[in-house]
Protein backbone atom coordinates (compact mmCIF):
# COMPACT_ATOMS: atom_id res chain seq x y z
CA MET A 1 -252.05 -6.61 -115.41
CA THR A 2 -248.88 -8.24 -114.14
CA SER A 3 -247.12 -6.76 -111.17
CA THR A 4 -244.48 -4.18 -111.87
CA SER A 5 -243.28 -4.37 -108.26
CA MET A 6 -240.53 -6.76 -109.26
CA THR A 7 -238.58 -8.22 -106.36
CA THR A 8 -235.09 -9.53 -105.87
CA ALA A 9 -233.56 -11.62 -103.12
CA ALA A 10 -233.05 -10.16 -99.68
CA GLU A 11 -229.77 -8.60 -98.60
CA PRO A 12 -227.36 -10.53 -96.31
CA ASP A 13 -228.82 -8.68 -93.30
CA GLY A 14 -232.33 -9.74 -94.30
CA ALA A 15 -233.45 -6.42 -95.79
CA PRO A 16 -235.87 -7.03 -98.69
CA ARG A 17 -235.28 -5.45 -102.08
CA VAL A 18 -237.82 -4.25 -104.63
CA ALA A 19 -236.27 -4.26 -108.10
CA SER A 20 -238.30 -1.33 -109.44
CA LEU A 21 -237.07 0.81 -106.53
CA ASP A 22 -233.53 -0.36 -107.17
CA ILE A 23 -233.84 0.69 -110.82
CA LEU A 24 -234.99 4.16 -109.76
CA ARG A 25 -232.17 4.31 -107.21
CA GLY A 26 -229.63 3.27 -109.82
CA ILE A 27 -230.81 5.97 -112.23
CA ALA A 28 -230.71 8.54 -109.43
CA ILE A 29 -227.24 7.68 -108.12
CA LEU A 30 -225.77 7.79 -111.62
CA GLY A 31 -227.62 11.03 -112.29
CA ILE A 32 -225.96 12.60 -109.26
CA LEU A 33 -222.63 12.72 -111.08
CA PHE A 34 -224.04 15.01 -113.78
CA MET A 35 -224.81 17.46 -110.97
CA ASN A 36 -221.50 17.06 -109.11
CA ILE A 37 -218.87 16.82 -111.81
CA ASN A 38 -218.62 20.57 -112.52
CA ALA A 39 -217.78 21.16 -108.84
CA MET A 40 -215.21 18.37 -109.02
CA GLY A 41 -213.64 19.59 -112.27
CA GLY A 42 -213.99 23.30 -111.50
CA ALA A 43 -214.52 25.73 -108.63
CA MET A 44 -217.42 24.74 -106.40
CA GLU A 45 -219.18 28.12 -106.69
CA SER A 46 -218.73 28.49 -110.46
CA GLY A 47 -221.94 26.52 -111.08
CA TRP A 48 -224.04 29.40 -109.79
CA GLU A 49 -221.66 32.39 -109.72
CA ASP A 50 -219.77 32.14 -113.02
CA LEU A 51 -221.32 29.63 -115.45
CA TRP A 52 -218.82 30.10 -118.26
CA ARG A 53 -215.65 30.37 -116.18
CA TYR A 54 -214.02 27.45 -117.98
CA GLY A 55 -215.37 27.91 -121.49
CA HIS A 56 -218.45 28.99 -123.41
CA SER A 57 -219.46 27.32 -126.66
CA ARG A 58 -222.78 26.39 -128.23
CA ALA A 59 -222.17 22.79 -127.15
CA ASP A 60 -221.68 24.04 -123.56
CA GLU A 61 -224.99 25.90 -123.76
CA VAL A 62 -226.83 22.81 -125.02
CA ALA A 63 -225.25 20.61 -122.36
CA TYR A 64 -226.10 23.11 -119.63
CA PHE A 65 -229.68 23.46 -120.87
CA LEU A 66 -230.24 19.70 -120.83
CA ARG A 67 -228.62 19.35 -117.42
CA MET A 68 -230.70 22.10 -115.85
CA THR A 69 -233.96 21.05 -117.47
CA LEU A 70 -233.80 17.29 -117.04
CA ALA A 71 -231.41 16.64 -114.18
CA ASP A 72 -230.87 19.66 -111.94
CA GLY A 73 -231.92 18.58 -108.46
CA THR A 74 -234.02 15.66 -109.73
CA ALA A 75 -231.43 12.95 -109.07
CA ARG A 76 -231.08 14.27 -105.53
CA CYS A 77 -234.86 14.58 -105.23
CA LEU A 78 -235.40 10.99 -106.39
CA LEU A 79 -232.83 9.71 -103.89
CA GLU A 80 -234.58 11.63 -101.12
CA MET A 81 -237.95 10.17 -102.13
CA LEU A 82 -236.47 6.67 -102.19
CA PHE A 83 -234.93 7.31 -98.78
CA GLY A 84 -238.47 8.04 -97.54
CA ALA A 85 -239.69 4.80 -99.13
CA GLY A 86 -236.84 2.90 -97.49
CA MET A 87 -237.77 4.46 -94.16
CA VAL A 88 -241.29 3.02 -94.50
CA ILE A 89 -240.05 -0.41 -95.57
CA LEU A 90 -237.45 -0.71 -92.82
CA THR A 91 -239.48 0.71 -89.95
CA ASP A 92 -242.67 -1.20 -90.84
CA ARG A 93 -240.66 -4.42 -91.03
CA ALA A 94 -238.92 -3.71 -87.73
CA ALA A 95 -242.16 -2.61 -86.06
CA ALA A 96 -243.86 -5.88 -86.93
CA ALA A 97 -241.07 -7.74 -85.15
CA ALA A 98 -240.93 -5.33 -82.20
CA GLU A 99 -244.67 -5.57 -81.55
CA ALA A 100 -244.11 -9.11 -80.29
CA SER A 101 -241.83 -7.89 -77.49
CA GLY A 102 -244.85 -7.01 -75.32
CA ARG A 103 -243.12 -4.28 -73.33
CA SER A 104 -245.16 -2.23 -70.89
CA GLY A 105 -244.75 0.86 -68.78
CA ARG A 106 -246.16 4.35 -69.12
CA LEU A 107 -243.16 5.89 -70.86
CA TRP A 108 -243.00 3.06 -73.38
CA ARG A 109 -246.75 3.34 -74.08
CA ILE A 110 -246.50 7.11 -74.70
CA GLY A 111 -243.54 6.65 -77.03
CA HIS A 112 -245.30 3.79 -78.82
CA ARG A 113 -248.38 5.91 -79.38
CA LEU A 114 -246.35 8.77 -80.87
CA PHE A 115 -243.65 6.98 -82.82
CA GLY A 116 -244.40 3.25 -82.79
CA PRO A 117 -242.12 0.79 -80.97
CA LEU A 118 -239.16 2.72 -79.55
CA ALA A 119 -236.85 -0.14 -80.50
CA VAL A 120 -237.64 0.68 -84.13
CA LEU A 121 -236.76 4.34 -83.62
CA ARG A 122 -233.55 3.44 -81.81
CA ALA A 123 -232.46 1.02 -84.54
CA TYR A 124 -233.26 3.49 -87.31
CA TYR A 125 -231.34 6.26 -85.54
CA TRP A 126 -228.30 4.00 -85.17
CA ARG A 127 -228.46 3.04 -88.87
CA ASN A 128 -228.52 6.68 -89.96
CA PHE A 129 -225.97 7.84 -87.42
CA VAL A 130 -223.51 5.38 -88.96
CA LEU A 131 -224.45 6.71 -92.42
CA PHE A 132 -223.84 10.23 -91.11
CA LEU A 133 -220.33 9.18 -90.02
CA PHE A 134 -219.68 7.69 -93.44
CA GLY A 135 -220.65 11.05 -94.91
CA VAL A 136 -218.26 12.88 -92.58
CA ALA A 137 -215.46 10.55 -93.72
CA HIS A 138 -216.46 11.24 -97.33
CA ILE A 139 -216.01 14.97 -96.67
CA PHE A 140 -212.82 15.05 -94.63
CA ILE A 141 -210.95 11.98 -95.88
CA LEU A 142 -212.09 11.62 -99.49
CA LEU A 143 -212.42 15.43 -99.67
CA TRP A 144 -215.82 15.77 -101.33
CA ALA A 145 -217.42 18.89 -99.86
CA GLY A 146 -220.69 18.17 -101.69
CA ASP A 147 -221.41 14.94 -99.81
CA ILE A 148 -225.07 14.02 -99.31
CA LEU A 149 -224.68 11.01 -97.00
CA HIS A 150 -224.26 13.02 -93.80
CA THR A 151 -227.17 15.25 -94.83
CA TYR A 152 -229.47 12.29 -95.53
CA GLY A 153 -228.45 10.53 -92.34
CA PHE A 154 -229.37 13.57 -90.27
CA ALA A 155 -232.55 14.35 -92.24
CA ALA A 156 -233.78 10.76 -91.90
CA MET A 157 -233.62 11.11 -88.12
CA ILE A 158 -236.08 13.98 -88.42
CA ALA A 159 -238.36 12.42 -91.04
CA VAL A 160 -238.77 9.15 -89.12
CA LEU A 161 -240.49 11.02 -86.28
CA PHE A 162 -243.50 11.43 -88.60
CA ARG A 163 -243.58 7.86 -89.94
CA LYS A 164 -246.93 7.05 -88.30
CA LEU A 165 -248.77 9.81 -90.17
CA GLY A 166 -251.08 8.82 -93.00
CA PRO A 167 -249.96 9.45 -96.59
CA LYS A 168 -252.09 12.58 -96.95
CA MET A 169 -250.54 14.15 -93.87
CA LEU A 170 -247.04 13.04 -94.92
CA LEU A 171 -247.53 14.66 -98.33
CA ALA A 172 -249.01 17.85 -96.88
CA LEU A 173 -246.20 18.22 -94.35
CA GLY A 174 -243.50 17.46 -96.91
CA LEU A 175 -244.86 19.91 -99.47
CA THR A 176 -245.31 22.62 -96.85
CA MET A 177 -241.71 22.21 -95.73
CA ALA A 178 -240.55 22.23 -99.36
CA LEU A 179 -242.33 25.48 -100.12
CA LEU A 180 -241.20 27.17 -96.91
CA GLN A 181 -237.60 26.18 -97.59
CA LEU A 182 -237.20 28.75 -100.34
CA GLY A 183 -238.60 31.56 -98.25
CA GLY A 184 -241.53 32.20 -100.53
CA GLY A 185 -240.00 32.06 -104.00
CA ALA A 186 -243.21 33.06 -105.75
CA TYR A 187 -243.65 36.02 -103.40
CA SER A 188 -240.03 37.08 -104.01
CA TYR A 189 -240.56 36.93 -107.75
CA VAL A 190 -243.73 39.05 -107.65
CA ASP A 191 -242.34 41.46 -105.08
CA ARG A 192 -239.07 41.96 -106.98
CA THR A 193 -240.91 42.47 -110.30
CA ALA A 194 -243.15 45.10 -108.74
CA GLU A 195 -240.14 46.83 -107.16
CA LEU A 196 -238.30 47.06 -110.48
CA GLN A 197 -241.35 48.67 -112.07
CA GLN A 198 -241.58 51.18 -109.22
CA VAL A 199 -237.85 51.99 -109.44
CA ALA A 200 -238.13 52.57 -113.20
CA ALA A 201 -241.02 54.97 -112.62
CA ILE A 202 -239.12 56.81 -109.87
CA GLU A 203 -236.00 57.15 -112.01
CA ALA A 204 -238.08 58.50 -114.89
CA LYS A 205 -239.64 61.00 -112.51
CA GLN A 206 -236.18 61.98 -111.27
CA LYS A 207 -234.89 62.51 -114.82
CA ALA A 208 -237.89 64.74 -115.54
CA GLY A 209 -236.77 66.99 -112.68
CA THR A 210 -239.74 66.21 -110.44
CA ALA A 211 -239.02 66.21 -106.71
CA LEU A 212 -239.10 62.78 -105.12
CA THR A 213 -240.99 61.94 -101.98
CA ALA A 214 -239.22 60.59 -98.89
CA PRO A 215 -240.43 56.98 -99.53
CA GLU A 216 -239.23 57.21 -103.14
CA ARG A 217 -235.78 58.43 -102.07
CA LYS A 218 -235.62 55.62 -99.51
CA MET A 219 -236.51 53.02 -102.15
CA LEU A 220 -233.72 54.23 -104.45
CA ALA A 221 -231.27 54.20 -101.53
CA ASP A 222 -232.30 50.68 -100.55
CA VAL A 223 -231.87 49.45 -104.12
CA LYS A 224 -228.42 51.05 -104.33
CA ASP A 225 -227.42 49.56 -100.98
CA ARG A 226 -228.48 46.06 -102.07
CA LYS A 227 -226.51 46.45 -105.29
CA VAL A 228 -223.38 47.40 -103.33
CA LYS A 229 -223.82 44.33 -101.13
CA ARG A 230 -224.50 42.12 -104.16
CA ASP A 231 -221.39 43.42 -105.91
CA LYS A 232 -219.35 42.69 -102.79
CA ARG A 233 -220.74 39.13 -102.57
CA GLU A 234 -219.82 38.58 -106.22
CA ALA A 235 -216.33 39.98 -105.68
CA ASP A 236 -215.83 37.76 -102.63
CA ALA A 237 -217.06 34.73 -104.59
CA ASN A 238 -214.67 35.52 -107.45
CA ALA A 239 -211.81 35.78 -104.97
CA ARG A 240 -212.67 32.41 -103.44
CA MET A 241 -212.92 30.79 -106.90
CA ALA A 242 -209.59 32.27 -107.97
CA LYS A 243 -207.99 30.92 -104.80
CA GLU A 244 -209.53 27.50 -105.44
CA ASP A 245 -208.25 27.53 -109.03
CA VAL A 246 -204.71 28.12 -107.81
CA ALA A 247 -204.98 25.43 -105.11
CA ARG A 248 -206.42 22.74 -107.40
CA SER A 249 -204.90 23.29 -110.84
CA ALA A 250 -202.12 21.00 -112.13
CA GLU A 251 -199.75 23.95 -112.66
CA THR A 252 -199.93 25.50 -109.18
CA GLY A 253 -201.63 22.98 -106.92
CA THR A 254 -200.30 20.26 -104.63
CA PHE A 255 -201.95 17.55 -102.57
CA LEU A 256 -201.91 19.78 -99.50
CA SER A 257 -203.31 22.84 -101.30
CA TRP A 258 -206.00 20.64 -102.90
CA ALA A 259 -206.99 19.16 -99.53
CA GLY A 260 -206.94 22.59 -97.94
CA ALA A 261 -209.25 23.96 -100.62
CA ALA A 262 -211.71 21.10 -100.04
CA TRP A 263 -211.78 21.68 -96.29
CA SER A 264 -212.13 25.43 -96.84
CA ILE A 265 -215.20 24.87 -99.02
CA THR A 266 -216.74 22.70 -96.31
CA GLY A 267 -216.08 25.43 -93.76
CA PHE A 268 -217.69 28.03 -96.03
CA ILE A 269 -220.83 25.87 -96.47
CA GLN A 270 -221.18 25.39 -92.72
CA ALA A 271 -220.43 29.02 -91.88
CA LYS A 272 -223.17 30.19 -94.25
CA GLY A 273 -225.69 27.86 -92.60
CA LEU A 274 -226.38 26.11 -95.90
CA GLU A 275 -226.41 22.73 -94.16
CA ILE A 276 -229.67 23.66 -92.47
CA LEU A 277 -231.27 24.21 -95.88
CA PHE A 278 -229.89 20.93 -97.20
CA VAL A 279 -231.26 18.94 -94.25
CA TRP A 280 -234.60 20.74 -94.45
CA GLU A 281 -234.97 19.97 -98.16
CA ALA A 282 -233.98 16.32 -97.69
CA ALA A 283 -236.35 15.72 -94.77
CA ALA A 284 -239.23 17.38 -96.65
CA THR A 285 -238.70 15.27 -99.76
CA MET A 286 -238.32 12.10 -97.70
CA LEU A 287 -241.80 12.71 -96.29
CA VAL A 288 -243.14 13.18 -99.83
CA GLY A 289 -241.44 9.95 -100.84
CA ALA A 290 -242.91 8.09 -97.86
CA ALA A 291 -246.39 9.26 -98.90
CA LEU A 292 -245.86 8.24 -102.52
CA PHE A 293 -244.66 4.82 -101.39
CA ARG A 294 -247.70 4.35 -99.13
CA TRP A 295 -249.85 5.04 -102.20
CA GLY A 296 -247.86 2.61 -104.35
CA VAL A 297 -246.61 5.32 -106.72
CA LEU A 298 -242.87 4.85 -106.32
CA GLN A 299 -242.86 1.07 -106.65
CA GLY A 300 -245.08 0.97 -109.74
CA ALA A 301 -248.27 -0.29 -108.13
CA ARG A 302 -250.64 2.18 -109.83
CA SER A 303 -252.38 1.85 -113.16
CA SER A 304 -250.84 2.75 -116.52
CA ARG A 305 -253.49 5.44 -116.88
CA PHE A 306 -252.32 6.99 -113.60
CA TYR A 307 -248.71 7.12 -114.78
CA ILE A 308 -249.63 8.51 -118.21
CA ILE A 309 -251.62 11.35 -116.65
CA THR A 310 -248.84 11.96 -114.10
CA LEU A 311 -246.24 12.04 -116.86
CA ILE A 312 -248.16 14.61 -118.93
CA LEU A 313 -248.98 16.91 -116.02
CA ALA A 314 -245.64 16.65 -114.21
CA TYR A 315 -243.47 17.08 -117.30
CA GLY A 316 -245.81 19.70 -118.75
CA PHE A 317 -245.25 21.98 -115.77
CA GLY A 318 -241.80 20.91 -114.62
CA LEU A 319 -239.92 20.77 -117.91
CA SER A 320 -241.45 23.94 -119.30
CA THR A 321 -240.68 26.12 -116.28
CA ARG A 322 -237.23 24.62 -115.80
CA GLY A 323 -236.49 25.09 -119.50
CA ILE A 324 -237.41 28.75 -119.27
CA GLY A 325 -235.21 29.13 -116.21
CA ALA A 326 -232.29 27.44 -117.99
CA VAL A 327 -232.61 29.78 -120.97
CA GLU A 328 -232.70 32.80 -118.63
CA GLU A 329 -229.43 31.67 -117.06
CA ILE A 330 -227.78 30.96 -120.41
CA ILE A 331 -228.57 34.40 -121.82
CA GLY A 332 -227.52 36.10 -118.58
CA HIS A 333 -230.98 37.36 -117.62
CA VAL A 334 -230.80 40.03 -114.92
CA GLY A 335 -233.71 40.52 -112.58
CA PRO A 336 -236.53 38.31 -111.34
CA SER A 337 -236.29 34.79 -112.74
CA ILE A 338 -239.01 32.20 -113.23
CA THR A 339 -236.70 29.87 -111.32
CA TRP A 340 -237.33 31.88 -108.16
CA ALA A 341 -241.04 31.23 -108.28
CA THR A 342 -241.04 27.60 -109.40
CA MET A 343 -237.73 26.00 -108.38
CA GLU A 344 -238.85 23.54 -105.69
CA VAL A 345 -242.28 22.75 -107.14
CA ALA A 346 -240.77 22.25 -110.60
CA ARG A 347 -238.06 20.00 -109.15
CA LEU A 348 -240.64 17.79 -107.44
CA ALA A 349 -242.87 17.74 -110.52
CA THR A 350 -240.06 16.81 -112.90
CA THR A 351 -238.87 14.06 -110.56
CA LEU A 352 -242.40 12.66 -110.39
CA GLY A 353 -242.43 12.73 -114.20
CA HIS A 354 -239.22 10.69 -114.21
CA VAL A 355 -240.83 8.13 -111.88
CA ALA A 356 -243.90 7.86 -114.12
CA LEU A 357 -241.77 7.43 -117.24
CA VAL A 358 -239.68 4.65 -115.68
CA HIS A 359 -242.76 2.71 -114.58
CA LEU A 360 -244.39 3.08 -117.98
CA LEU A 361 -241.22 1.75 -119.61
CA LEU A 362 -241.13 -1.16 -117.15
CA ARG A 363 -244.50 -2.26 -118.51
CA THR A 364 -242.94 -2.97 -121.88
CA VAL A 365 -240.51 -5.73 -122.82
CA ALA A 366 -238.06 -3.32 -124.46
CA GLY A 367 -238.24 -0.87 -121.57
CA THR A 368 -237.65 -3.57 -118.97
CA ARG A 369 -234.67 -4.88 -120.91
CA ALA A 370 -233.20 -1.38 -121.23
CA LEU A 371 -233.71 -0.48 -117.56
CA LYS A 372 -232.74 -3.82 -116.00
CA PRO A 373 -228.98 -2.96 -115.78
CA PHE A 374 -229.79 -0.02 -113.52
CA GLU A 375 -231.04 -2.45 -110.87
CA ALA A 376 -227.44 -3.42 -110.14
CA ALA A 377 -226.48 0.24 -109.74
CA GLY A 378 -229.36 0.63 -107.29
CA ARG A 379 -228.24 -2.37 -105.25
CA THR A 380 -224.71 -0.93 -105.09
CA ALA A 381 -225.71 2.74 -104.93
CA LEU A 382 -223.57 3.71 -101.94
CA SER A 383 -220.48 2.11 -103.45
CA VAL A 384 -221.18 3.68 -106.85
CA TYR A 385 -221.50 7.08 -105.19
CA ILE A 386 -218.14 6.72 -103.45
CA ALA A 387 -216.59 5.36 -106.67
CA GLN A 388 -217.70 8.52 -108.50
CA THR A 389 -215.71 10.54 -105.98
CA MET A 390 -212.67 8.28 -106.27
CA VAL A 391 -212.59 8.43 -110.06
CA CYS A 392 -213.23 12.17 -110.38
CA LEU A 393 -211.59 13.69 -107.32
CA TRP A 394 -208.68 11.28 -107.01
CA VAL A 395 -207.90 10.42 -110.65
CA LEU A 396 -209.31 12.88 -113.20
CA TYR A 397 -209.11 16.26 -111.54
CA PRO A 398 -206.54 16.39 -108.69
CA PRO A 399 -203.23 18.18 -109.41
CA PHE A 400 -201.18 15.08 -108.57
CA MET A 401 -202.92 12.77 -111.10
CA LEU A 402 -204.40 13.61 -114.52
CA GLY A 403 -204.81 17.26 -113.54
CA LEU A 404 -207.87 18.01 -115.68
CA TYR A 405 -209.20 20.59 -113.21
CA GLY A 406 -210.31 23.74 -115.03
CA GLN A 407 -209.63 22.18 -118.44
CA GLN A 408 -213.23 21.31 -119.35
CA GLY A 409 -216.51 23.13 -119.94
CA TRP A 410 -220.09 21.98 -119.54
CA ALA A 411 -220.17 19.76 -122.64
CA ALA A 412 -216.93 18.00 -121.70
CA TRP A 413 -218.08 17.58 -118.09
CA MET A 414 -221.34 15.97 -119.15
CA LEU A 415 -219.56 13.61 -121.58
CA THR A 416 -217.04 12.71 -118.88
CA ALA A 417 -219.85 11.98 -116.42
CA LEU A 418 -221.53 9.81 -119.05
CA ALA A 419 -218.32 7.82 -119.62
CA VAL A 420 -217.64 7.38 -115.90
CA ASN A 421 -221.22 6.30 -115.26
CA ALA A 422 -221.13 3.80 -118.13
CA ALA A 423 -218.04 2.20 -116.61
CA LEU A 424 -219.56 2.14 -113.12
CA LEU A 425 -222.84 0.70 -114.44
CA TRP A 426 -220.92 -2.10 -116.14
CA GLY A 427 -218.90 -2.67 -112.99
CA ALA A 428 -222.00 -2.81 -110.80
CA ASN A 429 -223.56 -5.49 -112.99
CA VAL A 430 -220.37 -7.57 -112.90
CA TRP A 431 -220.17 -7.14 -109.13
CA VAL A 432 -223.69 -8.35 -108.30
CA ARG A 433 -223.11 -11.51 -110.31
CA HIS A 434 -220.35 -12.52 -107.91
CA TYR A 435 -221.09 -10.84 -104.59
CA SER A 436 -224.15 -10.56 -102.38
CA ILE A 437 -223.46 -6.99 -101.30
CA ALA A 438 -221.31 -4.04 -102.44
CA PRO A 439 -218.24 -3.12 -100.37
CA VAL A 440 -219.36 0.20 -98.87
CA GLU A 441 -222.84 -1.21 -98.18
CA TRP A 442 -221.18 -4.21 -96.55
CA ALA A 443 -219.12 -2.01 -94.23
CA TRP A 444 -222.11 0.17 -93.34
CA ARG A 445 -224.56 -2.66 -92.66
CA SER A 446 -222.00 -4.78 -90.83
CA ILE A 447 -221.42 -1.91 -88.41
CA VAL A 448 -225.15 -1.36 -88.05
CA ALA A 449 -225.80 -5.07 -87.45
CA TRP A 450 -222.78 -5.44 -85.09
CA ARG A 451 -221.64 -8.49 -87.05
CA ARG A 452 -219.67 -9.33 -90.17
CA LEU A 453 -222.20 -9.87 -92.94
CA PRO A 454 -221.67 -12.47 -95.68
CA PHE A 455 -219.89 -10.92 -98.63
CA ARG A 456 -219.90 -13.37 -101.50
CA ARG A 457 -223.02 -14.17 -103.46
CA ARG A 458 -225.30 -16.81 -101.96
CA ASP A 459 -228.77 -18.08 -102.65
CA VAL A 460 -231.44 -16.19 -100.76
CA PRO A 461 -235.16 -16.99 -101.05
CA SER A 462 -237.32 -14.37 -102.70
CA VAL A 463 -239.18 -12.03 -100.37
CA GLY A 464 -242.25 -11.97 -102.64
CA PRO A 465 -244.10 -8.94 -103.99
CA ALA A 466 -243.76 -5.90 -101.78
CA VAL A 467 -246.95 -4.27 -103.01
CA PRO A 468 -249.43 -5.81 -105.48
CA ALA A 469 -249.90 -3.84 -108.63
CA ALA A 470 -253.15 -1.96 -109.11
CA ALA A 471 -255.33 -2.92 -112.05
């Protein structure tokens, strides 16, 4: 079997590139827009509080079903996995160079034993601190409250502390963190289902005129109290969305009201402590990605049989449970949802299915030809991500430009994302033919390297296969 770990030339700062990883990264970064565009073209909270706020047609239902089943969280998950793979590539490469320094001293030896060469840790922290600052600028200057760069920069600083663990330990730790993140979704599902059955029995008993016990009266009171709180949360969310609609619509919004709404959303996210969950999820998935890279899964170094089995099992579980969850949301299901019990596991499984499918396609001539353009998007991923914000938040939806905020539903959003991504994919391929690095990547890596990196395209010798393919 020929190697599917295709390689490209190194970056201007010497970082090696693996084309199959770039293809996955390109697919992921373009996929992100399908998850973000509804919060750019509508109220941020409408995606989970009021699905049909801006229209409800059969086409919207189909678009929402496909989005939730195939894409929801998987583009983000794939980026997080690839971030873990990049952590391994960069730190292993830097460690090999740092080992030659021959430093000594007790403190250095302790740090080396725990984390590897401390110079590697210091360099990786600096790299991700700069990325964190880019994310902060993305939030407060470009006004995208849903930025992931600052989250990934911070999460990477946590994940790198475990880089010396073996792949089994990395996977175990990552999966444990992923499951703990949701606070026991499966338990919540079972517990809530049992509670509803108990409440129904108590209410039937009450209607029959039978006296209730003290625990039964307390259960009914607790249920009523939670409903009051839930109704208040929904009312507060509706008030925030209505305020955002006024601030961002073409009829009533201005630049200042639009900017104020964006900053207000960021404040709400931080005040609710949601950032902690975002960082936790990202760090957990990075560890999973690091393990998968160590095993050769992400870069296509396993056998076709491995990827076929992975595809069947991962999609069989992930797509089925996510499809059920999407249908429950579309029909307005009230009560325990299958999504509660399976959300994170199904997200990871579906993402792994995507990885398997891509590597199976890369083993065919037609598949390689079809996926090759995404390599350019992967090489320019950071710039593509910022460009998505510029096109949507600064051209399509702000009140001072096209003013399309609130004018589209799910079907129109998905078609708009498809059109924007097609243009950006074309642009990325044109760019890499003329330049050695994308503009935002150039700025980031120049700051990290403390020198101005070459910008225009130049010949760079191939770095060779990163990982040999398994038979």
